[in-house]
Amino acid sequence: MSDWLTWQVVDSAFPTGGFAHSCGLEAAWQQGEVDGPAALERFLRASVLQAGHAVLPLLNDAYREPERVAELDALADAFLVNSVANRASRIQGRTLVCTAARIAASEPLIQLQHTLPQRCAHVAPMSGVVFRGLRLPLATAQRLTLFSAARSVLAAGVRLGIVGSFEAQRMQYLTGEWLEEVGARCRALTCDDLTQTAPIADILQAGHDRLYSRLFQS
């Protein structure tokens, strides 16, 4: 597997739909819970940790045992009790599968795309199957997921005006060590370890649909 594919998947031009979502940041900002760079950095770290404990377990199992994808998809649906997060996960999962199937045109990915009408298609298990289908190593898929979680929050922070582009990039740079730590802690997790580590952020995100004005879908 060439590094070119990894860079393509993490590129903002790769249409996975992630940049349409703020991961709950917009609601937290409008509620006054994130009111500046320091609070944004705390939210960022909480989001990365949440991705490690709530996304990687499902991704790991789906990557290792793609035949269990229907079971893992149902588990993801039961775990995501927040309707806003649940809807966002479905949208991003479907977009990821459809994009990968169109660019790689491999039989497993095309077959997965054909099953979407019968699935919730949550992004965590879909990512495991898709990254396996693209022949990305599991370790690379894990790191890509954590990086994307951090990047999405910071990109939303810039568009919401919480920080500027340079400050966001500085945070991304300084978060590298935290990403490594979370990756090491969560690389072997399975669906039995599925955990909600940021319940306050989850509650705030659940109120996204009731915001007076919105830039993001979630």
C-alpha atoms as a PDB file:
ATOM      1  CA  MET A   1       0.000   0.000   0.000  1.00  0.00           C
ATOM      2  CA  SER A   2       1.394   3.340  -1.041  1.00  0.00           C
ATOM      3  CA  ASP A   3       1.500   6.405   1.204  1.00  0.00           C
ATOM      4  CA  TRP A   4      -0.189   8.265  -1.627  1.00  0.00           C
ATOM      5  CA  LEU A   5      -3.512   6.689  -0.650  1.00  0.00           C
ATOM      6  CA  THR A   6      -3.130   7.712   2.990  1.00  0.00           C
ATOM      7  CA  TRP A   7      -2.498  11.307   1.994  1.00  0.00           C
ATOM      8  CA  GLN A   8      -5.491  11.226  -0.350  1.00  0.00           C
ATOM      9  CA  VAL A   9      -7.838  10.000   2.374  1.00  0.00           C
ATOM     10  CA  VAL A  10      -6.745  12.658   4.891  1.00  0.00           C
ATOM     11  CA  ASP A  11      -6.858  15.438   2.301  1.00  0.00           C
ATOM     12  CA  SER A  12      -9.754  17.870   2.726  1.00  0.00           C
ATOM     13  CA  ALA A  13     -10.641  17.282  -0.932  1.00  0.00           C
ATOM     14  CA  PHE A  14     -11.620  13.673  -0.124  1.00  0.00           C
ATOM     15  CA  PRO A  15     -15.424  14.009   0.151  1.00  0.00           C
ATOM     16  CA  THR A  16     -16.346  12.220   3.370  1.00  0.00           C
ATOM     17  CA  GLY A  17     -18.679  14.946   4.606  1.00  0.00           C
ATOM     18  CA  GLY A  18     -16.733  15.500   7.826  1.00  0.00           C
ATOM     19  CA  PHE A  19     -16.345  19.246   7.357  1.00  0.00           C
ATOM     20  CA  ALA A  20     -20.132  19.690   7.413  1.00  0.00           C
ATOM     21  CA  HIS A  21     -20.076  18.739  11.101  1.00  0.00           C
ATOM     22  CA  SER A  22     -18.597  20.493  14.128  1.00  0.00           C
ATOM     23  CA  CYS A  23     -18.672  17.416  16.415  1.00  0.00           C
ATOM     24  CA  GLY A  24     -20.801  19.358  18.888  1.00  0.00           C
ATOM     25  CA  LEU A  25     -18.478  22.367  19.003  1.00  0.00           C
ATOM     26  CA  GLU A  26     -21.024  24.792  17.540  1.00  0.00           C
ATOM     27  CA  ALA A  27     -23.566  23.956  20.245  1.00  0.00           C
ATOM     28  CA  ALA A  28     -20.904  24.139  22.968  1.00  0.00           C
ATOM     29  CA  TRP A  29     -19.784  27.534  21.645  1.00  0.00           C
ATOM     30  CA  GLN A  30     -23.302  28.975  21.492  1.00  0.00           C
ATOM     31  CA  GLN A  31     -24.011  27.687  24.996  1.00  0.00           C
ATOM     32  CA  GLY A  32     -20.893  29.484  26.287  1.00  0.00           C
ATOM     33  CA  GLU A  33     -19.040  26.294  27.234  1.00  0.00           C
ATOM     34  CA  VAL A  34     -16.301  27.033  24.697  1.00  0.00           C
ATOM     35  CA  ASP A  35     -15.486  30.729  24.868  1.00  0.00           C
ATOM     36  CA  GLY A  36     -11.899  30.971  23.662  1.00  0.00           C
ATOM     37  CA  PRO A  37      -8.685  29.139  22.711  1.00  0.00           C
ATOM     38  CA  ALA A  38      -8.122  27.484  26.101  1.00  0.00           C
ATOM     39  CA  ALA A  39     -11.636  26.046  26.188  1.00  0.00           C
ATOM     40  CA  LEU A  40     -11.321  24.972  22.556  1.00  0.00           C
ATOM     41  CA  GLU A  41      -8.148  23.053  23.376  1.00  0.00           C
ATOM     42  CA  ARG A  42      -9.955  21.235  26.205  1.00  0.00           C
ATOM     43  CA  PHE A  43     -12.822  20.412  23.851  1.00  0.00           C
ATOM     44  CA  LEU A  44     -10.310  19.211  21.256  1.00  0.00           C
ATOM     45  CA  ARG A  45      -8.631  16.829  23.689  1.00  0.00           C
ATOM     46  CA  ALA A  46     -11.994  15.527  24.883  1.00  0.00           C
ATOM     47  CA  SER A  47     -13.046  14.906  21.267  1.00  0.00           C
ATOM     48  CA  VAL A  48      -9.871  12.992  20.449  1.00  0.00           C
ATOM     49  CA  LEU A  49     -10.280  10.844  23.571  1.00  0.00           C
ATOM     50  CA  GLN A  50     -13.906  10.208  22.658  1.00  0.00           C
ATOM     51  CA  ALA A  51     -12.863   9.102  19.174  1.00  0.00           C
ATOM     52  CA  GLY A  52     -10.341   6.726  20.724  1.00  0.00           C
ATOM     53  CA  HIS A  53     -12.874   5.065  23.010  1.00  0.00           C
ATOM     54  CA  ALA A  54     -16.076   5.299  20.945  1.00  0.00           C
ATOM     55  CA  VAL A  55     -14.882   5.025  17.330  1.00  0.00           C
ATOM     56  CA  LEU A  56     -11.722   2.905  17.364  1.00  0.00           C
ATOM     57  CA  PRO A  57     -13.308  -0.107  19.144  1.00  0.00           C
ATOM     58  CA  LEU A  58     -15.896  -0.464  16.371  1.00  0.00           C
ATOM     59  CA  LEU A  59     -13.400   0.351  13.644  1.00  0.00           C
ATOM     60  CA  ASN A  60     -10.945  -2.224  14.992  1.00  0.00           C
ATOM     61  CA  ASP A  61     -13.496  -5.042  15.111  1.00  0.00           C
ATOM     62  CA  ALA A  62     -14.954  -4.208  11.681  1.00  0.00           C
ATOM     63  CA  TYR A  63     -11.459  -4.113  10.173  1.00  0.00           C
ATOM     64  CA  ARG A  64     -10.472  -7.464  11.670  1.00  0.00           C
ATOM     65  CA  GLU A  65     -13.829  -9.170  11.103  1.00  0.00           C
ATOM     66  CA  PRO A  66     -15.686  -7.445   8.250  1.00  0.00           C
ATOM     67  CA  GLU A  67     -18.265 -10.236   8.206  1.00  0.00           C
ATOM     68  CA  ARG A  68     -19.553  -8.814  11.526  1.00  0.00           C
ATOM     69  CA  VAL A  69     -20.289  -5.390  10.051  1.00  0.00           C
ATOM     70  CA  ALA A  70     -24.085  -5.712  10.407  1.00  0.00           C
ATOM     71  CA  GLU A  71     -23.759  -6.622  14.099  1.00  0.00           C
ATOM     72  CA  LEU A  72     -21.289  -3.812  14.746  1.00  0.00           C
ATOM     73  CA  ASP A  73     -23.444  -1.320  12.857  1.00  0.00           C
ATOM     74  CA  ALA A  74     -26.415  -2.226  15.064  1.00  0.00           C
ATOM     75  CA  LEU A  75     -24.235  -1.832  18.152  1.00  0.00           C
ATOM     76  CA  ALA A  76     -23.122   1.625  16.983  1.00  0.00           C
ATOM     77  CA  ASP A  77     -26.770   2.600  16.476  1.00  0.00           C
ATOM     78  CA  ALA A  78     -27.653   1.506  20.018  1.00  0.00           C
ATOM     79  CA  PHE A  79     -24.608   3.280  21.469  1.00  0.00           C
ATOM     80  CA  LEU A  80     -25.326   6.628  19.792  1.00  0.00           C
ATOM     81  CA  VAL A  81     -28.409   7.616  21.794  1.00  0.00           C
ATOM     82  CA  ASN A  82     -27.849  11.297  20.955  1.00  0.00           C
ATOM     83  CA  SER A  83     -30.016  11.780  17.853  1.00  0.00           C
ATOM     84  CA  VAL A  84     -27.786  14.510  16.409  1.00  0.00           C
ATOM     85  CA  ALA A  85     -24.620  12.417  16.696  1.00  0.00           C
ATOM     86  CA  ASN A  86     -26.487   9.352  15.424  1.00  0.00           C
ATOM     87  CA  ARG A  87     -27.676  11.175  12.319  1.00  0.00           C
ATOM     88  CA  ALA A  88     -24.229  12.647  11.649  1.00  0.00           C
ATOM     89  CA  SER A  89     -22.603   9.231  11.997  1.00  0.00           C
ATOM     90  CA  ARG A  90     -25.003   7.748   9.443  1.00  0.00           C
ATOM     91  CA  ILE A  91     -24.403  10.547   6.957  1.00  0.00           C
ATOM     92  CA  GLN A  92     -20.623  10.331   7.224  1.00  0.00           C
ATOM     93  CA  GLY A  93     -20.627   6.532   7.080  1.00  0.00           C
ATOM     94  CA  ARG A  94     -22.686   6.456   3.888  1.00  0.00           C
ATOM     95  CA  THR A  95     -20.602   9.187   2.294  1.00  0.00           C
ATOM     96  CA  LEU A  96     -17.368   7.367   3.119  1.00  0.00           C
ATOM     97  CA  VAL A  97     -18.591   4.079   1.648  1.00  0.00           C
ATOM     98  CA  CYS A  98     -19.937   5.679  -1.539  1.00  0.00           C
ATOM     99  CA  THR A  99     -16.766   7.710  -2.059  1.00  0.00           C
ATOM    100  CA  ALA A 100     -14.456   4.743  -1.541  1.00  0.00           C
ATOM    101  CA  ALA A 101     -16.535   2.497  -3.800  1.00  0.00           C
ATOM    102  CA  ARG A 102     -16.429   5.055  -6.611  1.00  0.00           C
ATOM    103  CA  ILE A 103     -12.706   5.818  -6.449  1.00  0.00           C
ATOM    104  CA  ALA A 104     -11.367   2.303  -5.772  1.00  0.00           C
ATOM    105  CA  ALA A 105     -14.076   0.311  -7.596  1.00  0.00           C
ATOM    106  CA  SER A 106     -13.123  -2.862  -5.721  1.00  0.00           C
ATOM    107  CA  GLU A 107     -15.719  -5.626  -5.479  1.00  0.00           C
ATOM    108  CA  PRO A 108     -15.921  -5.677  -1.639  1.00  0.00           C
ATOM    109  CA  LEU A 109     -16.519  -1.928  -1.496  1.00  0.00           C
ATOM    110  CA  ILE A 110     -19.091  -2.034  -4.284  1.00  0.00           C
ATOM    111  CA  GLN A 111     -20.909  -4.849  -2.479  1.00  0.00           C
ATOM    112  CA  LEU A 112     -20.813  -2.845   0.752  1.00  0.00           C
ATOM    113  CA  GLN A 113     -22.325   0.128  -1.056  1.00  0.00           C
ATOM    114  CA  HIS A 114     -25.156  -2.077  -2.345  1.00  0.00           C
ATOM    115  CA  THR A 115     -26.060  -3.059   1.234  1.00  0.00           C
ATOM    116  CA  LEU A 116     -26.399   0.540   2.466  1.00  0.00           C
ATOM    117  CA  PRO A 117     -30.217   0.675   2.116  1.00  0.00           C
ATOM    118  CA  GLN A 118     -30.453  -2.178   4.640  1.00  0.00           C
ATOM    119  CA  ARG A 119     -27.993  -0.632   7.140  1.00  0.00           C
ATOM    120  CA  CYS A 120     -27.669   2.347   9.452  1.00  0.00           C
ATOM    121  CA  ALA A 121     -24.134   2.638   8.001  1.00  0.00           C
ATOM    122  CA  HIS A 122     -22.528   4.327  11.011  1.00  0.00           C
ATOM    123  CA  VAL A 123     -19.127   5.787  10.295  1.00  0.00           C
ATOM    124  CA  ALA A 124     -17.123   3.801  12.879  1.00  0.00           C
ATOM    125  CA  PRO A 125     -17.813   0.267  11.589  1.00  0.00           C
ATOM    126  CA  MET A 126     -18.010   1.465   7.979  1.00  0.00           C
ATOM    127  CA  SER A 127     -14.534   2.993   8.375  1.00  0.00           C
ATOM    128  CA  GLY A 128     -13.125  -0.354   9.471  1.00  0.00           C
ATOM    129  CA  VAL A 129     -14.497  -2.174   6.440  1.00  0.00           C
ATOM    130  CA  VAL A 130     -13.657   0.633   4.012  1.00  0.00           C
ATOM    131  CA  PHE A 131     -10.075   1.063   5.186  1.00  0.00           C
ATOM    132  CA  ARG A 132      -9.559  -2.687   4.999  1.00  0.00           C
ATOM    133  CA  GLY A 133     -11.016  -2.625   1.478  1.00  0.00           C
ATOM    134  CA  LEU A 134      -8.617   0.171   0.543  1.00  0.00           C
ATOM    135  CA  ARG A 135      -5.777  -1.942   2.019  1.00  0.00           C
ATOM    136  CA  LEU A 136      -4.775   0.680   4.545  1.00  0.00           C
ATOM    137  CA  PRO A 137      -2.935  -0.963   7.470  1.00  0.00           C
ATOM    138  CA  LEU A 138      -5.005  -0.994  10.653  1.00  0.00           C
ATOM    139  CA  ALA A 139      -2.449   1.152  12.488  1.00  0.00           C
ATOM    140  CA  THR A 140      -2.688   3.754   9.721  1.00  0.00           C
ATOM    141  CA  ALA A 141      -6.505   3.652   9.824  1.00  0.00           C
ATOM    142  CA  GLN A 142      -6.432   4.249  13.580  1.00  0.00           C
ATOM    143  CA  ARG A 143      -4.076   7.211  13.306  1.00  0.00           C
ATOM    144  CA  LEU A 144      -6.076   8.653  10.409  1.00  0.00           C
ATOM    145  CA  THR A 145      -9.263   8.475  12.506  1.00  0.00           C
ATOM    146  CA  LEU A 146      -7.741  10.303  15.465  1.00  0.00           C
ATOM    147  CA  PHE A 147      -6.127  12.911  13.219  1.00  0.00           C
ATOM    148  CA  SER A 148      -9.457  13.523  11.474  1.00  0.00           C
ATOM    149  CA  ALA A 149     -11.220  13.952  14.814  1.00  0.00           C
ATOM    150  CA  ALA A 150      -8.752  16.669  15.809  1.00  0.00           C
ATOM    151  CA  ARG A 151      -8.759  18.355  12.422  1.00  0.00           C
ATOM    152  CA  SER A 152     -12.560  18.493  12.240  1.00  0.00           C
ATOM    153  CA  VAL A 153     -12.835  20.246  15.604  1.00  0.00           C
ATOM    154  CA  LEU A 154     -10.149  22.774  14.750  1.00  0.00           C
ATOM    155  CA  ALA A 155     -11.556  23.464  11.290  1.00  0.00           C
ATOM    156  CA  ALA A 156     -14.934  24.136  12.891  1.00  0.00           C
ATOM    157  CA  GLY A 157     -13.260  26.369  15.480  1.00  0.00           C
ATOM    158  CA  VAL A 158     -11.778  28.507  12.727  1.00  0.00           C
ATOM    159  CA  ARG A 159     -15.065  28.850  10.843  1.00  0.00           C
ATOM    160  CA  LEU A 160     -16.892  29.734  14.052  1.00  0.00           C
ATOM    161  CA  GLY A 161     -14.325  32.458  14.751  1.00  0.00           C
ATOM    162  CA  ILE A 162     -13.125  30.961  18.041  1.00  0.00           C
ATOM    163  CA  VAL A 163      -9.514  30.924  16.826  1.00  0.00           C
ATOM    164  CA  GLY A 164      -7.658  31.981  13.703  1.00  0.00           C
ATOM    165  CA  SER A 165      -5.995  29.655  11.218  1.00  0.00           C
ATOM    166  CA  PHE A 166      -2.499  30.047  12.683  1.00  0.00           C
ATOM    167  CA  GLU A 167      -3.692  29.419  16.229  1.00  0.00           C
ATOM    168  CA  ALA A 168      -5.607  26.338  15.080  1.00  0.00           C
ATOM    169  CA  GLN A 169      -2.509  24.981  13.358  1.00  0.00           C
ATOM    170  CA  ARG A 170      -0.465  25.614  16.490  1.00  0.00           C
ATOM    171  CA  MET A 171      -3.013  23.597  18.486  1.00  0.00           C
ATOM    172  CA  GLN A 172      -2.871  20.812  15.902  1.00  0.00           C
ATOM    173  CA  TYR A 173       0.907  20.754  16.218  1.00  0.00           C
ATOM    174  CA  LEU A 174       0.845  20.674  20.015  1.00  0.00           C
ATOM    175  CA  THR A 175      -1.820  17.957  20.036  1.00  0.00           C
ATOM    176  CA  GLY A 176       0.486  15.493  18.275  1.00  0.00           C
ATOM    177  CA  GLU A 177       1.754  14.019  21.531  1.00  0.00           C
ATOM    178  CA  TRP A 178      -1.834  13.666  22.811  1.00  0.00           C
ATOM    179  CA  LEU A 179      -2.827  11.866  19.602  1.00  0.00           C
ATOM    180  CA  GLU A 180       0.049   9.427  20.107  1.00  0.00           C
ATOM    181  CA  GLU A 181      -0.978   8.817  23.698  1.00  0.00           C
ATOM    182  CA  VAL A 182      -4.627   8.166  22.856  1.00  0.00           C
ATOM    183  CA  GLY A 183      -3.613   5.977  19.919  1.00  0.00           C
ATOM    184  CA  ALA A 184      -1.388   3.836  22.135  1.00  0.00           C
ATOM    185  CA  ARG A 185      -4.126   3.556  24.762  1.00  0.00           C
ATOM    186  CA  CYS A 186      -6.868   2.608  22.313  1.00  0.00           C
ATOM    187  CA  ARG A 187      -5.197   0.635  19.524  1.00  0.00           C
ATOM    188  CA  ALA A 188      -6.221  -2.763  20.944  1.00  0.00           C
ATOM    189  CA  LEU A 189      -9.753  -1.872  22.073  1.00  0.00           C
ATOM    190  CA  THR A 190     -12.705  -3.949  20.892  1.00  0.00           C
ATOM    191  CA  CYS A 191     -16.446  -3.336  20.923  1.00  0.00           C
ATOM    192  CA  ASP A 192     -16.492  -4.748  24.465  1.00  0.00           C
ATOM    193  CA  ASP A 193     -14.568  -1.610  25.496  1.00  0.00           C
ATOM    194  CA  LEU A 194     -16.963   0.864  23.874  1.00  0.00           C
ATOM    195  CA  THR A 195     -17.167   3.886  26.194  1.00  0.00           C
ATOM    196  CA  GLN A 196     -18.635   7.398  26.325  1.00  0.00           C
ATOM    197  CA  THR A 197     -15.819   9.578  27.700  1.00  0.00           C
ATOM    198  CA  ALA A 198     -17.312  13.039  27.038  1.00  0.00           C
ATOM    199  CA  PRO A 199     -20.921  12.967  28.315  1.00  0.00           C
ATOM    200  CA  ILE A 200     -21.186  16.764  28.705  1.00  0.00           C
ATOM    201  CA  ALA A 201     -20.120  17.304  25.102  1.00  0.00           C
ATOM    202  CA  ASP A 202     -22.671  14.670  24.080  1.00  0.00           C
ATOM    203  CA  ILE A 203     -25.438  16.510  25.947  1.00  0.00           C
ATOM    204  CA  LEU A 204     -24.446  19.825  24.374  1.00  0.00           C
ATOM    205  CA  GLN A 205     -24.368  18.317  20.898  1.00  0.00           C
ATOM    206  CA  ALA A 206     -27.864  16.902  21.426  1.00  0.00           C
ATOM    207  CA  GLY A 207     -29.156  20.479  21.524  1.00  0.00           C
ATOM    208  CA  HIS A 208     -27.691  21.392  18.145  1.00  0.00           C
ATOM    209  CA  ASP A 209     -31.012  21.158  16.297  1.00  0.00           C
ATOM    210  CA  ARG A 210     -32.529  23.732  18.665  1.00  0.00           C
ATOM    211  CA  LEU A 211     -29.919  26.426  18.013  1.00  0.00           C
ATOM    212  CA  TYR A 212     -31.341  29.632  16.571  1.00  0.00           C
ATOM    213  CA  SER A 213     -28.781  29.695  13.759  1.00  0.00           C
ATOM    214  CA  ARG A 214     -26.374  26.990  12.580  1.00  0.00           C
ATOM    215  CA  LEU A 215     -23.348  26.721  10.315  1.00  0.00           C
ATOM    216  CA  PHE A 216     -22.991  22.943  10.686  1.00  0.00           C
ATOM    217  CA  GLN A 217     -25.226  19.883  10.513  1.00  0.00           C
ATOM    218  CA  SER A 218     -24.107  18.690  13.928  1.00  0.00           C
END
